[in-house]
Amino acid sequence: MTKTISIIVPCYNEQESIPLFYVAVEKVAATLADHRIEYIFVNDGSADESLAEMRALQAQDPEHVHYISFSRNFGKEAALYAGLQAATGDYVSVMDVDLQDPPELLPEMIHGIEVEGYDCVGTRRTTRAGEPPVRSFFAKQFYKIINRISQTEIVDGARDYRLMTRQMVNAILEMSEYNRFSKGIFSWVGFDTKYLEYKNQDRVAGQTSWSFWGLFKYSLDGIVTFSETPLAIASFVGFFSFAIALLALIFIVIRALIFGDPTSGWPSLISVILMVGGLQLLCLGIVGKYIGKIYLEVKNRPVYIVKEKK
């Protein structure tokens, strides 16, 4: 019995990579017995000719190639969610179009599910060769922090590239939240997962759309989405700063009563005010981040809007 593998491919300004990706995956697909490939390209509001490339591929291979085009750029998380909703395969895979996710791992992934009995076979990079050292450093720190403060474990170096069973995909689709962090969601739903390791691959074409600041904000979203620890830290910092300020106030009053020099306390008083004020603003920022997430959720806006689909 032939089983279908749906491959979800989020694209943002990837006109050069799309045809190369299709050719590379087709080479692997030709070696897969009793499996057919369903391509689901998701155009995330690209400003280049990515949509035209998708239309051309769909016209060339209408049985296997499908695409979804958003009305604007909604982000990679929205593109992944749209692809998961559109996928009809027995197994579902998520791959980057730049071929940094090697399609050659697909046969081993299928073996992991069908023979070894796993629900999901994911991938993780063992090296970050080619990345700027600063980005690699902060990436490692992110995994350390989120695994320390969150109950959901995220494997260091884990990629979105994975092959999942229909049961796992259905579980993910039940999480219809607006603020999405797929690495956390993949882990949160559970299921037996195996990870394949590989060395970092260079992009086949084009430039990455992820800036350092974009990755930093994405990391913060992941921490806020899957951990309440920042709120607990804010509460502790608030209590600690209050205690310090109270002790400083007692010290200043006692010193003024003993030495009778009221003017000498101004520098320390200003320092205490600035310290407490700064900590309060920090805590308000943390709380505000969570309130902002709640605000976006309760508005019940759609995660994405489709302009064209085929």
C-alpha atoms as a PDB file:
ATOM      1  CA  MET A   1       0.000   0.000   0.000  1.00  0.00           C
ATOM      2  CA  THR A   2       1.418   3.362  -1.062  1.00  0.00           C
ATOM      3  CA  LYS A   3       1.700   5.942   1.691  1.00  0.00           C
ATOM      4  CA  THR A   4       1.789   9.691   1.145  1.00  0.00           C
ATOM      5  CA  ILE A   5       4.436  11.956   2.656  1.00  0.00           C
ATOM      6  CA  SER A   6       3.396  15.602   2.803  1.00  0.00           C
ATOM      7  CA  ILE A   7       6.388  17.956   2.776  1.00  0.00           C
ATOM      8  CA  ILE A   8       5.643  21.448   4.101  1.00  0.00           C
ATOM      9  CA  VAL A   9       7.988  24.081   2.673  1.00  0.00           C
ATOM     10  CA  PRO A  10       7.698  27.640   4.080  1.00  0.00           C
ATOM     11  CA  CYS A  11       9.113  30.196   1.637  1.00  0.00           C
ATOM     12  CA  TYR A  12       9.972  33.866   1.981  1.00  0.00           C
ATOM     13  CA  ASN A  13      11.866  35.429  -0.924  1.00  0.00           C
ATOM     14  CA  GLU A  14      13.230  32.065  -2.102  1.00  0.00           C
ATOM     15  CA  GLN A  15      12.755  32.261  -5.883  1.00  0.00           C
ATOM     16  CA  GLU A  16      16.227  30.804  -6.558  1.00  0.00           C
ATOM     17  CA  SER A  17      15.927  27.931  -4.090  1.00  0.00           C
ATOM     18  CA  ILE A  18      12.447  26.600  -4.970  1.00  0.00           C
ATOM     19  CA  PRO A  19      13.292  24.832  -8.286  1.00  0.00           C
ATOM     20  CA  LEU A  20      16.568  23.481  -6.851  1.00  0.00           C
ATOM     21  CA  PHE A  21      14.705  22.127  -3.835  1.00  0.00           C
ATOM     22  CA  TYR A  22      12.144  20.342  -6.016  1.00  0.00           C
ATOM     23  CA  VAL A  23      14.836  18.652  -8.105  1.00  0.00           C
ATOM     24  CA  ALA A  24      16.785  17.543  -5.008  1.00  0.00           C
ATOM     25  CA  VAL A  25      13.734  16.030  -3.293  1.00  0.00           C
ATOM     26  CA  GLU A  26      12.583  14.310  -6.487  1.00  0.00           C
ATOM     27  CA  LYS A  27      15.918  12.487  -6.659  1.00  0.00           C
ATOM     28  CA  VAL A  28      15.309  11.114  -3.167  1.00  0.00           C
ATOM     29  CA  ALA A  29      11.629  10.403  -3.894  1.00  0.00           C
ATOM     30  CA  ALA A  30      12.634   8.162  -6.803  1.00  0.00           C
ATOM     31  CA  THR A  31      14.377   5.837  -4.330  1.00  0.00           C
ATOM     32  CA  LEU A  32      11.390   5.545  -1.963  1.00  0.00           C
ATOM     33  CA  ALA A  33       9.385   2.395  -2.588  1.00  0.00           C
ATOM     34  CA  ASP A  34       5.654   2.504  -1.792  1.00  0.00           C
ATOM     35  CA  HIS A  35       5.774   6.204  -0.898  1.00  0.00           C
ATOM     36  CA  ARG A  36       4.619   9.250  -2.857  1.00  0.00           C
ATOM     37  CA  ILE A  37       5.475  12.867  -2.146  1.00  0.00           C
ATOM     38  CA  GLU A  38       2.977  15.712  -1.706  1.00  0.00           C
ATOM     39  CA  TYR A  39       4.633  19.143  -1.813  1.00  0.00           C
ATOM     40  CA  ILE A  40       2.960  22.004   0.036  1.00  0.00           C
ATOM     41  CA  PHE A  41       4.811  25.253  -0.631  1.00  0.00           C
ATOM     42  CA  VAL A  42       3.706  28.180   1.548  1.00  0.00           C
ATOM     43  CA  ASN A  43       4.464  31.644   0.174  1.00  0.00           C
ATOM     44  CA  ASP A  44       4.783  33.892   3.222  1.00  0.00           C
ATOM     45  CA  GLY A  45       4.225  37.223   1.476  1.00  0.00           C
ATOM     46  CA  SER A  46       7.404  37.088  -0.623  1.00  0.00           C
ATOM     47  CA  ALA A  47       8.412  40.250  -2.481  1.00  0.00           C
ATOM     48  CA  ASP A  48      10.301  38.385  -5.222  1.00  0.00           C
ATOM     49  CA  GLU A  49       9.144  35.807  -7.794  1.00  0.00           C
ATOM     50  CA  SER A  50       8.669  32.954  -5.317  1.00  0.00           C
ATOM     51  CA  LEU A  51       4.953  32.698  -6.079  1.00  0.00           C
ATOM     52  CA  ALA A  52       5.652  32.557  -9.826  1.00  0.00           C
ATOM     53  CA  GLU A  53       8.068  29.664  -9.240  1.00  0.00           C
ATOM     54  CA  MET A  54       5.397  27.839  -7.222  1.00  0.00           C
ATOM     55  CA  ARG A  55       2.821  28.355  -9.968  1.00  0.00           C
ATOM     56  CA  ALA A  56       5.252  26.992 -12.550  1.00  0.00           C
ATOM     57  CA  LEU A  57       5.993  23.885 -10.478  1.00  0.00           C
ATOM     58  CA  GLN A  58       2.298  23.294  -9.829  1.00  0.00           C
ATOM     59  CA  ALA A  59       1.551  23.525 -13.559  1.00  0.00           C
ATOM     60  CA  GLN A  60       4.428  21.127 -14.256  1.00  0.00           C
ATOM     61  CA  ASP A  61       3.393  18.565 -11.617  1.00  0.00           C
ATOM     62  CA  PRO A  62      -0.222  19.285 -10.564  1.00  0.00           C
ATOM     63  CA  GLU A  63      -0.717  15.881  -8.968  1.00  0.00           C
ATOM     64  CA  HIS A  64       2.015  16.322  -6.381  1.00  0.00           C
ATOM     65  CA  VAL A  65       2.713  20.056  -6.053  1.00  0.00           C
ATOM     66  CA  HIS A  66       0.388  22.422  -4.187  1.00  0.00           C
ATOM     67  CA  TYR A  67       0.923  25.912  -2.853  1.00  0.00           C
ATOM     68  CA  ILE A  68      -0.622  28.409  -0.453  1.00  0.00           C
ATOM     69  CA  SER A  69       0.046  32.124  -0.787  1.00  0.00           C
ATOM     70  CA  PHE A  70      -0.579  34.540   2.093  1.00  0.00           C
ATOM     71  CA  SER A  71      -1.968  38.049   1.690  1.00  0.00           C
ATOM     72  CA  ARG A  72       1.156  39.393   3.448  1.00  0.00           C
ATOM     73  CA  ASN A  73       4.106  38.217   5.515  1.00  0.00           C
ATOM     74  CA  PHE A  74       2.724  36.444   8.610  1.00  0.00           C
ATOM     75  CA  GLY A  75       5.956  34.735   9.666  1.00  0.00           C
ATOM     76  CA  LYS A  76       7.366  31.219   9.504  1.00  0.00           C
ATOM     77  CA  GLU A  77       5.206  29.934  12.362  1.00  0.00           C
ATOM     78  CA  ALA A  78       2.031  30.881  10.491  1.00  0.00           C
ATOM     79  CA  ALA A  79       3.398  29.225   7.344  1.00  0.00           C
ATOM     80  CA  LEU A  80       4.103  25.995   9.226  1.00  0.00           C
ATOM     81  CA  TYR A  81       0.614  26.005  10.728  1.00  0.00           C
ATOM     82  CA  ALA A  82      -1.009  26.572   7.330  1.00  0.00           C
ATOM     83  CA  GLY A  83       1.016  23.730   5.853  1.00  0.00           C
ATOM     84  CA  LEU A  84       0.069  21.359   8.654  1.00  0.00           C
ATOM     85  CA  GLN A  85      -3.607  22.179   8.137  1.00  0.00           C
ATOM     86  CA  ALA A  86      -3.354  21.584   4.397  1.00  0.00           C
ATOM     87  CA  ALA A  87      -1.317  18.360   4.583  1.00  0.00           C
ATOM     88  CA  THR A  88      -3.209  15.176   3.712  1.00  0.00           C
ATOM     89  CA  GLY A  89      -0.364  12.637   3.933  1.00  0.00           C
ATOM     90  CA  ASP A  90       0.016   9.642   6.210  1.00  0.00           C
ATOM     91  CA  TYR A  91       3.313  11.207   7.278  1.00  0.00           C
ATOM     92  CA  VAL A  92       4.132  14.908   7.374  1.00  0.00           C
ATOM     93  CA  SER A  93       7.557  16.498   7.066  1.00  0.00           C
ATOM     94  CA  VAL A  94       8.732  20.081   7.531  1.00  0.00           C
ATOM     95  CA  MET A  95      11.708  21.205   5.448  1.00  0.00           C
ATOM     96  CA  ASP A  96      13.502  24.454   4.658  1.00  0.00           C
ATOM     97  CA  VAL A  97      13.595  25.271   0.960  1.00  0.00           C
ATOM     98  CA  ASP A  98      17.267  26.349   1.063  1.00  0.00           C
ATOM     99  CA  LEU A  99      18.331  22.658   1.381  1.00  0.00           C
ATOM    100  CA  GLN A 100      20.018  23.219   4.736  1.00  0.00           C
ATOM    101  CA  ASP A 101      17.744  20.327   5.696  1.00  0.00           C
ATOM    102  CA  PRO A 102      19.184  17.406   3.652  1.00  0.00           C
ATOM    103  CA  PRO A 103      16.419  15.440   1.857  1.00  0.00           C
ATOM    104  CA  GLU A 104      18.756  12.430   1.847  1.00  0.00           C
ATOM    105  CA  LEU A 105      17.706  11.776   5.461  1.00  0.00           C
ATOM    106  CA  LEU A 106      14.105  10.999   4.454  1.00  0.00           C
ATOM    107  CA  PRO A 107      14.651   7.212   3.929  1.00  0.00           C
ATOM    108  CA  GLU A 108      16.208   6.918   7.392  1.00  0.00           C
ATOM    109  CA  MET A 109      13.314   8.915   8.863  1.00  0.00           C
ATOM    110  CA  ILE A 110      10.776   6.593   7.249  1.00  0.00           C
ATOM    111  CA  HIS A 111      12.677   3.598   8.620  1.00  0.00           C
ATOM    112  CA  GLY A 112      12.559   5.140  12.104  1.00  0.00           C
ATOM    113  CA  ILE A 113       8.761   5.379  11.984  1.00  0.00           C
ATOM    114  CA  GLU A 114       7.798   2.233  10.079  1.00  0.00           C
ATOM    115  CA  VAL A 115      10.409  -0.200  11.388  1.00  0.00           C
ATOM    116  CA  GLU A 116      11.595   1.201  14.726  1.00  0.00           C
ATOM    117  CA  GLY A 117       8.132   2.362  15.791  1.00  0.00           C
ATOM    118  CA  TYR A 118       8.785   6.043  16.510  1.00  0.00           C
ATOM    119  CA  ASP A 119       6.037   8.654  16.128  1.00  0.00           C
ATOM    120  CA  CYS A 120       8.484  11.327  15.022  1.00  0.00           C
ATOM    121  CA  VAL A 121      12.008  11.385  13.647  1.00  0.00           C
ATOM    122  CA  GLY A 122      13.595  14.807  14.006  1.00  0.00           C
ATOM    123  CA  THR A 123      17.006  16.238  13.189  1.00  0.00           C
ATOM    124  CA  ARG A 124      19.625  18.201  15.066  1.00  0.00           C
ATOM    125  CA  ARG A 125      22.781  19.914  13.943  1.00  0.00           C
ATOM    126  CA  THR A 126      26.001  18.790  15.596  1.00  0.00           C
ATOM    127  CA  THR A 127      27.946  21.800  14.315  1.00  0.00           C
ATOM    128  CA  ARG A 128      27.196  25.422  13.487  1.00  0.00           C
ATOM    129  CA  ALA A 129      29.960  25.840  10.940  1.00  0.00           C
ATOM    130  CA  GLY A 130      29.425  28.889   8.765  1.00  0.00           C
ATOM    131  CA  GLU A 131      27.378  30.794  11.351  1.00  0.00           C
ATOM    132  CA  PRO A 132      28.678  33.992  12.969  1.00  0.00           C
ATOM    133  CA  PRO A 133      30.247  33.168  16.376  1.00  0.00           C
ATOM    134  CA  VAL A 134      27.922  35.605  18.175  1.00  0.00           C
ATOM    135  CA  ARG A 135      24.810  33.907  16.768  1.00  0.00           C
ATOM    136  CA  SER A 136      26.131  30.455  17.698  1.00  0.00           C
ATOM    137  CA  PHE A 137      26.908  31.608  21.249  1.00  0.00           C
ATOM    138  CA  PHE A 138      23.447  33.070  21.832  1.00  0.00           C
ATOM    139  CA  ALA A 139      21.776  30.006  20.272  1.00  0.00           C
ATOM    140  CA  LYS A 140      23.542  27.718  22.755  1.00  0.00           C
ATOM    141  CA  GLN A 141      22.598  30.011  25.653  1.00  0.00           C
ATOM    142  CA  PHE A 142      18.964  30.006  24.512  1.00  0.00           C
ATOM    143  CA  TYR A 143      18.729  26.211  24.707  1.00  0.00           C
ATOM    144  CA  LYS A 144      20.389  26.200  28.131  1.00  0.00           C
ATOM    145  CA  ILE A 145      18.014  28.838  29.487  1.00  0.00           C
ATOM    146  CA  ILE A 146      14.747  27.487  28.087  1.00  0.00           C
ATOM    147  CA  ASN A 147      15.530  23.917  29.185  1.00  0.00           C
ATOM    148  CA  ARG A 148      16.337  25.157  32.682  1.00  0.00           C
ATOM    149  CA  ILE A 149      13.208  27.264  33.192  1.00  0.00           C
ATOM    150  CA  SER A 150      10.654  25.344  31.107  1.00  0.00           C
ATOM    151  CA  GLN A 151       9.024  21.976  31.710  1.00  0.00           C
ATOM    152  CA  THR A 152       9.201  21.338  27.956  1.00  0.00           C
ATOM    153  CA  GLU A 153      12.619  20.079  26.890  1.00  0.00           C
ATOM    154  CA  ILE A 154      13.958  21.322  23.565  1.00  0.00           C
ATOM    155  CA  VAL A 155      16.946  19.433  22.189  1.00  0.00           C
ATOM    156  CA  ASP A 156      20.002  21.611  21.597  1.00  0.00           C
ATOM    157  CA  GLY A 157      20.476  22.177  17.877  1.00  0.00           C
ATOM    158  CA  ALA A 158      17.067  20.703  17.003  1.00  0.00           C
ATOM    159  CA  ARG A 159      15.660  21.739  13.643  1.00  0.00           C
ATOM    160  CA  ASP A 160      12.067  22.038  12.475  1.00  0.00           C
ATOM    161  CA  TYR A 161      13.007  19.390   9.893  1.00  0.00           C
ATOM    162  CA  ARG A 162      11.280  16.181  10.959  1.00  0.00           C
ATOM    163  CA  LEU A 163       8.926  13.440   9.823  1.00  0.00           C
ATOM    164  CA  MET A 164       5.758  12.919  11.891  1.00  0.00           C
ATOM    165  CA  THR A 165       2.889  10.465  11.921  1.00  0.00           C
ATOM    166  CA  ARG A 166      -0.662  11.620  11.207  1.00  0.00           C
ATOM    167  CA  GLN A 167      -1.565  11.079  14.886  1.00  0.00           C
ATOM    168  CA  MET A 168       1.130  13.496  16.036  1.00  0.00           C
ATOM    169  CA  VAL A 169       0.168  16.085  13.417  1.00  0.00           C
ATOM    170  CA  ASN A 170      -3.463  15.947  14.534  1.00  0.00           C
ATOM    171  CA  ALA A 171      -2.333  16.552  18.121  1.00  0.00           C
ATOM    172  CA  ILE A 172      -0.332  19.601  17.011  1.00  0.00           C
ATOM    173  CA  LEU A 173      -3.307  20.986  15.098  1.00  0.00           C
ATOM    174  CA  GLU A 174      -5.388  20.867  18.272  1.00  0.00           C
ATOM    175  CA  MET A 175      -3.092  23.619  19.598  1.00  0.00           C
ATOM    176  CA  SER A 176      -4.646  26.495  17.683  1.00  0.00           C
ATOM    177  CA  GLU A 177      -2.990  29.283  19.672  1.00  0.00           C
ATOM    178  CA  TYR A 178      -2.037  32.545  17.951  1.00  0.00           C
ATOM    179  CA  ASN A 179       1.420  32.849  19.534  1.00  0.00           C
ATOM    180  CA  ARG A 180       3.157  29.775  18.171  1.00  0.00           C
ATOM    181  CA  PHE A 181       6.622  28.361  18.820  1.00  0.00           C
ATOM    182  CA  SER A 182       6.883  25.137  16.848  1.00  0.00           C
ATOM    183  CA  LYS A 183      10.008  23.724  18.496  1.00  0.00           C
ATOM    184  CA  GLY A 184       8.222  23.917  21.831  1.00  0.00           C
ATOM    185  CA  ILE A 185       4.928  22.593  20.442  1.00  0.00           C
ATOM    186  CA  PHE A 186       6.635  19.581  18.827  1.00  0.00           C
ATOM    187  CA  SER A 187       8.107  18.719  22.213  1.00  0.00           C
ATOM    188  CA  TRP A 188       5.039  19.600  24.313  1.00  0.00           C
ATOM    189  CA  VAL A 189       2.662  17.198  22.533  1.00  0.00           C
ATOM    190  CA  GLY A 190       4.967  14.330  23.448  1.00  0.00           C
ATOM    191  CA  PHE A 191       5.109  11.136  21.349  1.00  0.00           C
ATOM    192  CA  ASP A 192       8.194   8.964  20.901  1.00  0.00           C
ATOM    193  CA  THR A 193      10.838  10.960  19.059  1.00  0.00           C
ATOM    194  CA  LYS A 194      14.217  10.009  17.658  1.00  0.00           C
ATOM    195  CA  TYR A 195      16.801  12.552  16.494  1.00  0.00           C
ATOM    196  CA  LEU A 196      19.180  12.149  13.578  1.00  0.00           C
ATOM    197  CA  GLU A 197      22.390  14.139  13.717  1.00  0.00           C
ATOM    198  CA  TYR A 198      24.032  15.893  10.795  1.00  0.00           C
ATOM    199  CA  LYS A 199      26.563  18.632  10.155  1.00  0.00           C
ATOM    200  CA  ASN A 200      25.438  22.130   9.238  1.00  0.00           C
ATOM    201  CA  GLN A 201      24.710  22.592   5.523  1.00  0.00           C
ATOM    202  CA  ASP A 202      25.208  25.779   3.520  1.00  0.00           C
ATOM    203  CA  ARG A 203      22.279  27.399   1.729  1.00  0.00           C
ATOM    204  CA  VAL A 204      21.948  26.246  -1.853  1.00  0.00           C
ATOM    205  CA  ALA A 205      21.028  29.762  -3.029  1.00  0.00           C
ATOM    206  CA  GLY A 206      19.933  33.186  -1.822  1.00  0.00           C
ATOM    207  CA  GLN A 207      20.361  34.862   1.551  1.00  0.00           C
ATOM    208  CA  THR A 208      18.756  34.051   4.881  1.00  0.00           C
ATOM    209  CA  SER A 209      15.882  36.314   5.946  1.00  0.00           C
ATOM    210  CA  TRP A 210      16.693  35.772   9.631  1.00  0.00           C
ATOM    211  CA  SER A 211      18.595  38.646  11.200  1.00  0.00           C
ATOM    212  CA  PHE A 212      20.219  38.460  14.630  1.00  0.00           C
ATOM    213  CA  TRP A 213      17.504  40.705  16.068  1.00  0.00           C
ATOM    214  CA  GLY A 214      14.788  38.572  14.466  1.00  0.00           C
ATOM    215  CA  LEU A 215      16.236  35.407  16.005  1.00  0.00           C
ATOM    216  CA  PHE A 216      16.556  37.167  19.373  1.00  0.00           C
ATOM    217  CA  LYS A 217      12.880  38.164  19.369  1.00  0.00           C
ATOM    218  CA  TYR A 218      11.916  34.661  18.255  1.00  0.00           C
ATOM    219  CA  SER A 219      13.874  33.235  21.199  1.00  0.00           C
ATOM    220  CA  LEU A 220      12.130  35.574  23.637  1.00  0.00           C
ATOM    221  CA  ASP A 221       8.761  34.507  22.239  1.00  0.00           C
ATOM    222  CA  GLY A 222       9.725  30.880  22.809  1.00  0.00           C
ATOM    223  CA  ILE A 223      10.712  31.526  26.426  1.00  0.00           C
ATOM    224  CA  VAL A 224       7.554  33.507  27.176  1.00  0.00           C
ATOM    225  CA  THR A 225       5.308  30.969  25.425  1.00  0.00           C
ATOM    226  CA  PHE A 226       6.629  27.917  27.258  1.00  0.00           C
ATOM    227  CA  SER A 227       7.674  29.223  30.675  1.00  0.00           C
ATOM    228  CA  GLU A 228       6.221  31.276  33.524  1.00  0.00           C
ATOM    229  CA  THR A 229       9.640  31.540  35.185  1.00  0.00           C
ATOM    230  CA  PRO A 230      10.245  35.164  34.033  1.00  0.00           C
ATOM    231  CA  LEU A 231       7.120  36.176  35.983  1.00  0.00           C
ATOM    232  CA  ALA A 232       8.404  34.352  39.059  1.00  0.00           C
ATOM    233  CA  ILE A 233      11.776  36.075  38.667  1.00  0.00           C
ATOM    234  CA  ALA A 234      10.038  39.458  38.361  1.00  0.00           C
ATOM    235  CA  SER A 235       8.142  38.788  41.593  1.00  0.00           C
ATOM    236  CA  PHE A 236      11.332  37.754  43.395  1.00  0.00           C
ATOM    237  CA  VAL A 237      13.261  40.761  42.099  1.00  0.00           C
ATOM    238  CA  GLY A 238      10.432  43.054  43.191  1.00  0.00           C
ATOM    239  CA  PHE A 239      10.417  41.612  46.721  1.00  0.00           C
ATOM    240  CA  PHE A 240      14.225  41.640  46.934  1.00  0.00           C
ATOM    241  CA  SER A 241      14.477  45.277  45.787  1.00  0.00           C
ATOM    242  CA  PHE A 242      11.786  46.265  48.292  1.00  0.00           C
ATOM    243  CA  ALA A 243      13.738  44.576  51.105  1.00  0.00           C
ATOM    244  CA  ILE A 244      16.977  46.283  50.072  1.00  0.00           C
ATOM    245  CA  ALA A 245      15.265  49.667  49.858  1.00  0.00           C
ATOM    246  CA  LEU A 246      13.679  49.160  53.308  1.00  0.00           C
ATOM    247  CA  LEU A 247      17.028  48.251  54.874  1.00  0.00           C
ATOM    248  CA  ALA A 248      18.680  51.237  53.181  1.00  0.00           C
ATOM    249  CA  LEU A 249      15.937  53.521  54.493  1.00  0.00           C
ATOM    250  CA  ILE A 250      16.395  52.237  58.059  1.00  0.00           C
ATOM    251  CA  PHE A 251      20.148  52.715  57.754  1.00  0.00           C
ATOM    252  CA  ILE A 252      19.765  56.291  56.483  1.00  0.00           C
ATOM    253  CA  VAL A 253      17.304  57.217  59.270  1.00  0.00           C
ATOM    254  CA  ILE A 254      19.522  55.741  62.007  1.00  0.00           C
ATOM    255  CA  ARG A 255      22.598  57.477  60.629  1.00  0.00           C
ATOM    256  CA  ALA A 256      20.750  60.800  60.473  1.00  0.00           C
ATOM    257  CA  LEU A 257      19.594  60.416  64.104  1.00  0.00           C
ATOM    258  CA  ILE A 258      23.072  59.543  65.343  1.00  0.00           C
ATOM    259  CA  PHE A 259      25.200  61.946  63.299  1.00  0.00           C
ATOM    260  CA  GLY A 260      22.603  64.646  62.655  1.00  0.00           C
ATOM    261  CA  ASP A 261      23.759  65.315  59.090  1.00  0.00           C
ATOM    262  CA  PRO A 262      20.633  65.372  56.908  1.00  0.00           C
ATOM    263  CA  THR A 263      22.351  66.415  53.664  1.00  0.00           C
ATOM    264  CA  SER A 264      24.802  63.519  53.444  1.00  0.00           C
ATOM    265  CA  GLY A 265      22.038  61.043  52.619  1.00  0.00           C
ATOM    266  CA  TRP A 266      21.095  62.496  49.276  1.00  0.00           C
ATOM    267  CA  PRO A 267      23.491  60.463  47.099  1.00  0.00           C
ATOM    268  CA  SER A 268      22.482  57.172  48.684  1.00  0.00           C
ATOM    269  CA  LEU A 269      18.803  58.107  48.542  1.00  0.00           C
ATOM    270  CA  ILE A 270      18.993  58.920  44.849  1.00  0.00           C
ATOM    271  CA  SER A 271      20.871  55.670  44.223  1.00  0.00           C
ATOM    272  CA  VAL A 272      18.179  53.660  45.983  1.00  0.00           C
ATOM    273  CA  ILE A 273      15.423  55.439  44.032  1.00  0.00           C
ATOM    274  CA  LEU A 274      17.141  54.790  40.716  1.00  0.00           C
ATOM    275  CA  MET A 275      17.788  51.146  41.598  1.00  0.00           C
ATOM    276  CA  VAL A 276      14.221  50.470  42.683  1.00  0.00           C
ATOM    277  CA  GLY A 277      12.794  52.404  39.722  1.00  0.00           C
ATOM    278  CA  GLY A 278      14.928  50.466  37.267  1.00  0.00           C
ATOM    279  CA  LEU A 279      13.912  47.129  38.751  1.00  0.00           C
ATOM    280  CA  GLN A 280      10.261  48.128  38.655  1.00  0.00           C
ATOM    281  CA  LEU A 281      10.518  49.032  34.982  1.00  0.00           C
ATOM    282  CA  LEU A 282      12.230  45.706  34.277  1.00  0.00           C
ATOM    283  CA  CYS A 283       9.468  43.790  36.034  1.00  0.00           C
ATOM    284  CA  LEU A 284       6.777  45.836  34.283  1.00  0.00           C
ATOM    285  CA  GLY A 285       8.406  44.982  30.948  1.00  0.00           C
ATOM    286  CA  ILE A 286       8.282  41.256  31.732  1.00  0.00           C
ATOM    287  CA  VAL A 287       4.668  41.435  32.858  1.00  0.00           C
ATOM    288  CA  GLY A 288       3.816  43.572  29.820  1.00  0.00           C
ATOM    289  CA  LYS A 289       5.266  40.917  27.504  1.00  0.00           C
ATOM    290  CA  TYR A 290       2.877  38.319  28.929  1.00  0.00           C
ATOM    291  CA  ILE A 291      -0.068  40.718  28.853  1.00  0.00           C
ATOM    292  CA  GLY A 292       0.698  41.472  25.196  1.00  0.00           C
ATOM    293  CA  LYS A 293       0.581  37.741  24.404  1.00  0.00           C
ATOM    294  CA  ILE A 294      -2.765  37.441  26.203  1.00  0.00           C
ATOM    295  CA  TYR A 295      -4.086  40.471  24.289  1.00  0.00           C
ATOM    296  CA  LEU A 296      -3.231  38.877  20.939  1.00  0.00           C
ATOM    297  CA  GLU A 297      -4.826  35.577  21.956  1.00  0.00           C
ATOM    298  CA  VAL A 298      -8.147  37.012  23.168  1.00  0.00           C
ATOM    299  CA  LYS A 299      -8.657  39.041  19.983  1.00  0.00           C
ATOM    300  CA  ASN A 300      -9.029  35.718  18.128  1.00  0.00           C
ATOM    301  CA  ARG A 301      -7.466  37.007  14.938  1.00  0.00           C
ATOM    302  CA  PRO A 302      -6.644  34.403  12.283  1.00  0.00           C
ATOM    303  CA  VAL A 303      -3.082  33.103  12.335  1.00  0.00           C
ATOM    304  CA  TYR A 304      -2.850  33.803   8.587  1.00  0.00           C
ATOM    305  CA  ILE A 305      -4.947  34.927   5.602  1.00  0.00           C
ATOM    306  CA  VAL A 306      -4.790  33.026   2.322  1.00  0.00           C
ATOM    307  CA  LYS A 307      -4.790  35.045  -0.899  1.00  0.00           C
ATOM    308  CA  GLU A 308      -4.251  32.193  -3.354  1.00  0.00           C
ATOM    309  CA  LYS A 309      -4.261  28.414  -3.046  1.00  0.00           C
ATOM    310  CA  LYS A 310      -3.900  25.568  -5.493  1.00  0.00           C
END
